[in-house]
Amino acid sequence: KNYDKNGAVFTWGREDEMIATSRMFNAAQSIDLTWTDILNQNGDSLFVDITRRFVLKIILPNDELNLFGKATFQLTRKSIKEDWKILQWTDESKE
């Protein structure tokens, strides 16, 4: 959901969202993703659900965006000697 110059609400579809997001990231001079607090963590040595907060900082030629959010991940691995793999990533950030 976005607002035009007169404050009227307008929406766009997935295709427009993907184009706008791509243009923003391509124009960025710097992108920094910082993971902060662990809000929740449940599981064992082979499967875990974890919810974390993050800060996404995007530096554009004439602007700086600081986006705050949280995401929940389901991680798995076949043995403790293997790296974790993401099964599911859910962005739980508010608009």
N, C-alpha and C. Protein backbone atom coordinates (compact mmCIF):
# COMPACT_ATOMS: atom_id res chain seq x y z
N LYS A 1 0.86 -1.17 0.00
CA LYS A 1 0.00 0.00 0.00
C LYS A 1 0.90 1.22 0.00
N ASN A 2 0.59 2.19 -0.83
CA ASN A 2 1.33 3.44 -0.91
C ASN A 2 0.35 4.59 -1.00
N TYR A 3 0.88 5.79 -0.89
CA TYR A 3 0.05 6.99 -0.92
C TYR A 3 0.58 7.93 -2.00
N ASP A 4 -0.34 8.52 -2.77
CA ASP A 4 0.11 9.49 -3.76
C ASP A 4 0.29 10.85 -3.07
N LYS A 5 0.65 11.87 -3.85
CA LYS A 5 0.93 13.19 -3.28
C LYS A 5 -0.26 13.82 -2.58
N ASN A 6 -1.46 13.40 -2.94
CA ASN A 6 -2.67 13.94 -2.32
C ASN A 6 -3.13 13.11 -1.12
N GLY A 7 -2.38 12.07 -0.78
CA GLY A 7 -2.72 11.24 0.36
C GLY A 7 -3.67 10.10 0.05
N ALA A 8 -4.06 9.96 -1.22
CA ALA A 8 -4.95 8.86 -1.60
C ALA A 8 -4.17 7.55 -1.62
N VAL A 9 -4.81 6.49 -1.17
CA VAL A 9 -4.18 5.17 -1.13
C VAL A 9 -4.25 4.53 -2.51
N PHE A 10 -3.14 3.95 -2.96
CA PHE A 10 -3.16 3.15 -4.17
C PHE A 10 -2.34 1.88 -3.94
N THR A 11 -2.68 0.85 -4.65
CA THR A 11 -1.98 -0.42 -4.51
C THR A 11 -1.46 -0.86 -5.86
N TRP A 12 -0.50 -1.80 -5.84
CA TRP A 12 0.00 -2.36 -7.08
C TRP A 12 0.20 -3.85 -6.89
N GLY A 13 0.34 -4.54 -7.99
CA GLY A 13 0.47 -5.99 -7.95
C GLY A 13 1.90 -6.46 -7.78
N ARG A 14 2.07 -7.76 -7.79
CA ARG A 14 3.37 -8.38 -7.58
C ARG A 14 4.39 -7.94 -8.62
N GLU A 15 3.99 -7.89 -9.89
CA GLU A 15 4.93 -7.52 -10.95
C GLU A 15 5.48 -6.11 -10.73
N ASP A 16 4.61 -5.15 -10.41
CA ASP A 16 5.06 -3.79 -10.14
C ASP A 16 5.96 -3.74 -8.90
N GLU A 17 5.61 -4.52 -7.88
CA GLU A 17 6.42 -4.58 -6.66
C GLU A 17 7.82 -5.10 -6.96
N MET A 18 7.91 -6.16 -7.76
CA MET A 18 9.21 -6.74 -8.10
C MET A 18 10.07 -5.75 -8.90
N ILE A 19 9.46 -5.03 -9.84
CA ILE A 19 10.19 -4.04 -10.63
C ILE A 19 10.70 -2.90 -9.75
N ALA A 20 9.84 -2.38 -8.88
CA ALA A 20 10.22 -1.27 -8.00
C ALA A 20 11.32 -1.70 -7.03
N THR A 21 11.20 -2.90 -6.46
CA THR A 21 12.21 -3.40 -5.53
C THR A 21 13.54 -3.61 -6.24
N SER A 22 13.50 -4.17 -7.42
CA SER A 22 14.72 -4.39 -8.20
C SER A 22 15.42 -3.07 -8.50
N ARG A 23 14.67 -2.07 -8.91
CA ARG A 23 15.26 -0.76 -9.19
C ARG A 23 15.88 -0.14 -7.95
N MET A 24 15.21 -0.28 -6.81
CA MET A 24 15.75 0.28 -5.58
C MET A 24 17.08 -0.38 -5.21
N PHE A 25 17.12 -1.72 -5.26
CA PHE A 25 18.36 -2.41 -4.89
C PHE A 25 19.47 -2.15 -5.90
N ASN A 26 19.13 -2.04 -7.18
CA ASN A 26 20.15 -1.74 -8.20
C ASN A 26 20.71 -0.33 -8.02
N ALA A 27 19.91 0.61 -7.52
CA ALA A 27 20.36 1.98 -7.33
C ALA A 27 21.12 2.18 -6.01
N ALA A 28 21.05 1.19 -5.14
CA ALA A 28 21.67 1.33 -3.81
C ALA A 28 23.18 1.44 -3.91
N GLN A 29 23.73 2.36 -3.13
CA GLN A 29 25.17 2.49 -3.01
C GLN A 29 25.71 1.54 -1.94
N SER A 30 24.85 1.22 -0.99
CA SER A 30 25.24 0.33 0.11
C SER A 30 23.99 -0.34 0.67
N ILE A 31 24.12 -1.62 1.02
CA ILE A 31 23.05 -2.37 1.66
C ILE A 31 23.66 -3.13 2.84
N ASP A 32 23.07 -2.96 4.01
CA ASP A 32 23.59 -3.62 5.20
C ASP A 32 22.43 -4.26 5.96
N LEU A 33 22.50 -5.58 6.15
CA LEU A 33 21.50 -6.32 6.92
C LEU A 33 22.15 -6.76 8.22
N THR A 34 21.58 -6.32 9.34
CA THR A 34 22.10 -6.68 10.65
C THR A 34 21.03 -7.44 11.42
N TRP A 35 21.37 -8.66 11.84
CA TRP A 35 20.47 -9.46 12.68
C TRP A 35 20.69 -9.07 14.12
N THR A 36 19.62 -8.81 14.86
CA THR A 36 19.73 -8.38 16.25
C THR A 36 19.13 -9.44 17.17
N ASP A 37 18.17 -9.08 17.99
CA ASP A 37 17.62 -9.94 19.03
C ASP A 37 17.06 -11.25 18.50
N ILE A 38 17.31 -12.31 19.27
CA ILE A 38 16.60 -13.57 19.07
C ILE A 38 15.35 -13.50 19.95
N LEU A 39 14.19 -13.49 19.33
CA LEU A 39 12.94 -13.37 20.08
C LEU A 39 12.39 -14.71 20.54
N ASN A 40 12.67 -15.75 19.75
CA ASN A 40 12.16 -17.07 20.07
C ASN A 40 13.05 -18.10 19.39
N GLN A 41 13.33 -19.20 20.09
CA GLN A 41 14.09 -20.30 19.50
C GLN A 41 13.63 -21.61 20.13
N ASN A 42 13.15 -22.53 19.28
CA ASN A 42 12.69 -23.84 19.74
C ASN A 42 13.22 -24.89 18.79
N GLY A 43 13.63 -26.02 19.33
CA GLY A 43 14.07 -27.10 18.47
C GLY A 43 15.17 -27.92 19.11
N ASP A 44 15.89 -28.63 18.26
CA ASP A 44 16.97 -29.48 18.74
C ASP A 44 18.19 -29.30 17.82
N SER A 45 19.09 -30.26 17.83
CA SER A 45 20.33 -30.13 17.06
C SER A 45 20.14 -30.35 15.56
N LEU A 46 18.93 -30.80 15.13
CA LEU A 46 18.69 -31.06 13.71
C LEU A 46 17.56 -30.23 13.11
N PHE A 47 16.71 -29.65 13.93
CA PHE A 47 15.59 -28.84 13.45
C PHE A 47 15.34 -27.72 14.44
N VAL A 48 15.19 -26.51 13.95
CA VAL A 48 14.93 -25.39 14.85
C VAL A 48 14.05 -24.35 14.17
N ASP A 49 13.14 -23.77 14.97
CA ASP A 49 12.38 -22.58 14.60
C ASP A 49 13.02 -21.42 15.35
N ILE A 50 13.33 -20.35 14.63
CA ILE A 50 13.96 -19.20 15.28
C ILE A 50 13.36 -17.91 14.72
N THR A 51 13.05 -16.98 15.62
CA THR A 51 12.54 -15.67 15.23
C THR A 51 13.53 -14.61 15.68
N ARG A 52 13.94 -13.76 14.73
CA ARG A 52 14.93 -12.72 15.02
C ARG A 52 14.48 -11.39 14.46
N ARG A 53 14.94 -10.34 15.11
CA ARG A 53 14.76 -8.99 14.59
C ARG A 53 15.92 -8.66 13.67
N PHE A 54 15.67 -7.70 12.77
CA PHE A 54 16.74 -7.25 11.88
C PHE A 54 16.60 -5.77 11.58
N VAL A 55 17.71 -5.19 11.12
CA VAL A 55 17.73 -3.82 10.61
C VAL A 55 18.32 -3.90 9.21
N LEU A 56 17.59 -3.38 8.23
CA LEU A 56 18.05 -3.32 6.86
C LEU A 56 18.30 -1.85 6.53
N LYS A 57 19.56 -1.52 6.27
CA LYS A 57 19.93 -0.15 5.95
C LYS A 57 20.31 -0.08 4.48
N ILE A 58 19.62 0.79 3.72
CA ILE A 58 19.87 0.95 2.30
C ILE A 58 20.25 2.40 2.04
N ILE A 59 21.45 2.60 1.48
CA ILE A 59 21.92 3.94 1.13
C ILE A 59 21.70 4.14 -0.36
N LEU A 60 20.88 5.12 -0.70
CA LEU A 60 20.60 5.50 -2.08
C LEU A 60 21.30 6.82 -2.38
N PRO A 61 21.43 7.20 -3.64
CA PRO A 61 22.13 8.45 -3.95
C PRO A 61 21.59 9.67 -3.19
N ASN A 62 20.28 9.76 -2.98
CA ASN A 62 19.70 10.93 -2.31
C ASN A 62 18.85 10.59 -1.10
N ASP A 63 19.05 9.39 -0.55
CA ASP A 63 18.19 8.98 0.56
C ASP A 63 18.87 7.87 1.34
N GLU A 64 18.45 7.70 2.57
CA GLU A 64 18.90 6.59 3.42
C GLU A 64 17.68 5.96 4.05
N LEU A 65 17.50 4.66 3.86
CA LEU A 65 16.36 3.93 4.42
C LEU A 65 16.85 3.03 5.54
N ASN A 66 16.18 3.09 6.68
CA ASN A 66 16.44 2.18 7.79
C ASN A 66 15.14 1.44 8.06
N LEU A 67 15.13 0.17 7.73
CA LEU A 67 13.94 -0.66 7.87
C LEU A 67 14.14 -1.64 9.02
N PHE A 68 13.17 -1.71 9.90
CA PHE A 68 13.23 -2.58 11.07
C PHE A 68 12.16 -3.65 10.93
N GLY A 69 12.51 -4.89 11.21
CA GLY A 69 11.53 -5.95 11.08
C GLY A 69 11.91 -7.19 11.85
N LYS A 70 11.17 -8.25 11.60
CA LYS A 70 11.50 -9.54 12.20
C LYS A 70 11.14 -10.65 11.23
N ALA A 71 11.83 -11.76 11.35
CA ALA A 71 11.62 -12.89 10.47
C ALA A 71 11.70 -14.18 11.28
N THR A 72 10.91 -15.16 10.86
CA THR A 72 10.96 -16.48 11.47
C THR A 72 11.50 -17.47 10.45
N PHE A 73 12.44 -18.29 10.88
CA PHE A 73 13.06 -19.28 10.03
C PHE A 73 12.81 -20.68 10.58
N GLN A 74 12.60 -21.63 9.68
CA GLN A 74 12.66 -23.05 10.03
C GLN A 74 13.96 -23.56 9.41
N LEU A 75 14.85 -24.05 10.25
CA LEU A 75 16.15 -24.54 9.80
C LEU A 75 16.26 -26.03 10.07
N THR A 76 16.99 -26.73 9.18
CA THR A 76 17.18 -28.16 9.36
C THR A 76 18.57 -28.56 8.87
N ARG A 77 19.01 -29.67 9.34
CA ARG A 77 20.23 -30.31 8.84
C ARG A 77 20.15 -31.79 9.15
N LYS A 78 20.87 -32.62 8.36
CA LYS A 78 20.80 -34.07 8.51
C LYS A 78 21.65 -34.58 9.67
N SER A 79 22.73 -33.85 9.98
CA SER A 79 23.57 -34.22 11.12
C SER A 79 24.20 -32.97 11.68
N ILE A 80 24.74 -33.04 12.89
CA ILE A 80 25.32 -31.86 13.51
C ILE A 80 26.60 -31.41 12.82
N LYS A 81 27.15 -32.25 11.94
CA LYS A 81 28.35 -31.88 11.20
C LYS A 81 28.04 -31.07 9.93
N GLU A 82 26.75 -31.01 9.55
CA GLU A 82 26.34 -30.30 8.35
C GLU A 82 25.92 -28.87 8.67
N ASP A 83 25.94 -28.01 7.64
CA ASP A 83 25.44 -26.65 7.78
C ASP A 83 23.92 -26.65 7.84
N TRP A 84 23.36 -25.63 8.49
CA TRP A 84 21.92 -25.46 8.53
C TRP A 84 21.41 -25.07 7.15
N LYS A 85 20.21 -25.54 6.80
CA LYS A 85 19.54 -25.17 5.56
C LYS A 85 18.18 -24.58 5.92
N ILE A 86 17.77 -23.54 5.20
CA ILE A 86 16.49 -22.89 5.45
C ILE A 86 15.38 -23.67 4.76
N LEU A 87 14.42 -24.14 5.55
CA LEU A 87 13.21 -24.77 5.00
C LEU A 87 12.17 -23.73 4.66
N GLN A 88 12.03 -22.74 5.54
CA GLN A 88 11.01 -21.72 5.35
C GLN A 88 11.49 -20.43 6.00
N TRP A 89 11.20 -19.31 5.33
CA TRP A 89 11.53 -17.99 5.85
C TRP A 89 10.27 -17.15 5.75
N THR A 90 9.77 -16.67 6.89
CA THR A 90 8.56 -15.86 6.93
C THR A 90 8.90 -14.47 7.45
N ASP A 91 8.68 -13.46 6.60
CA ASP A 91 8.89 -12.08 7.02
C ASP A 91 7.68 -11.65 7.83
N GLU A 92 7.90 -11.34 9.09
CA GLU A 92 6.80 -10.96 9.98
C GLU A 92 6.82 -9.46 10.28
N SER A 93 7.48 -8.71 9.43
CA SER A 93 7.55 -7.26 9.61
C SER A 93 6.19 -6.63 9.35
N LYS A 94 5.91 -5.57 10.06
CA LYS A 94 4.67 -4.82 9.86
C LYS A 94 4.90 -3.81 8.75
N GLU A 95 3.82 -3.46 8.05
CA GLU A 95 3.91 -2.44 6.99
C GLU A 95 4.11 -1.08 7.61
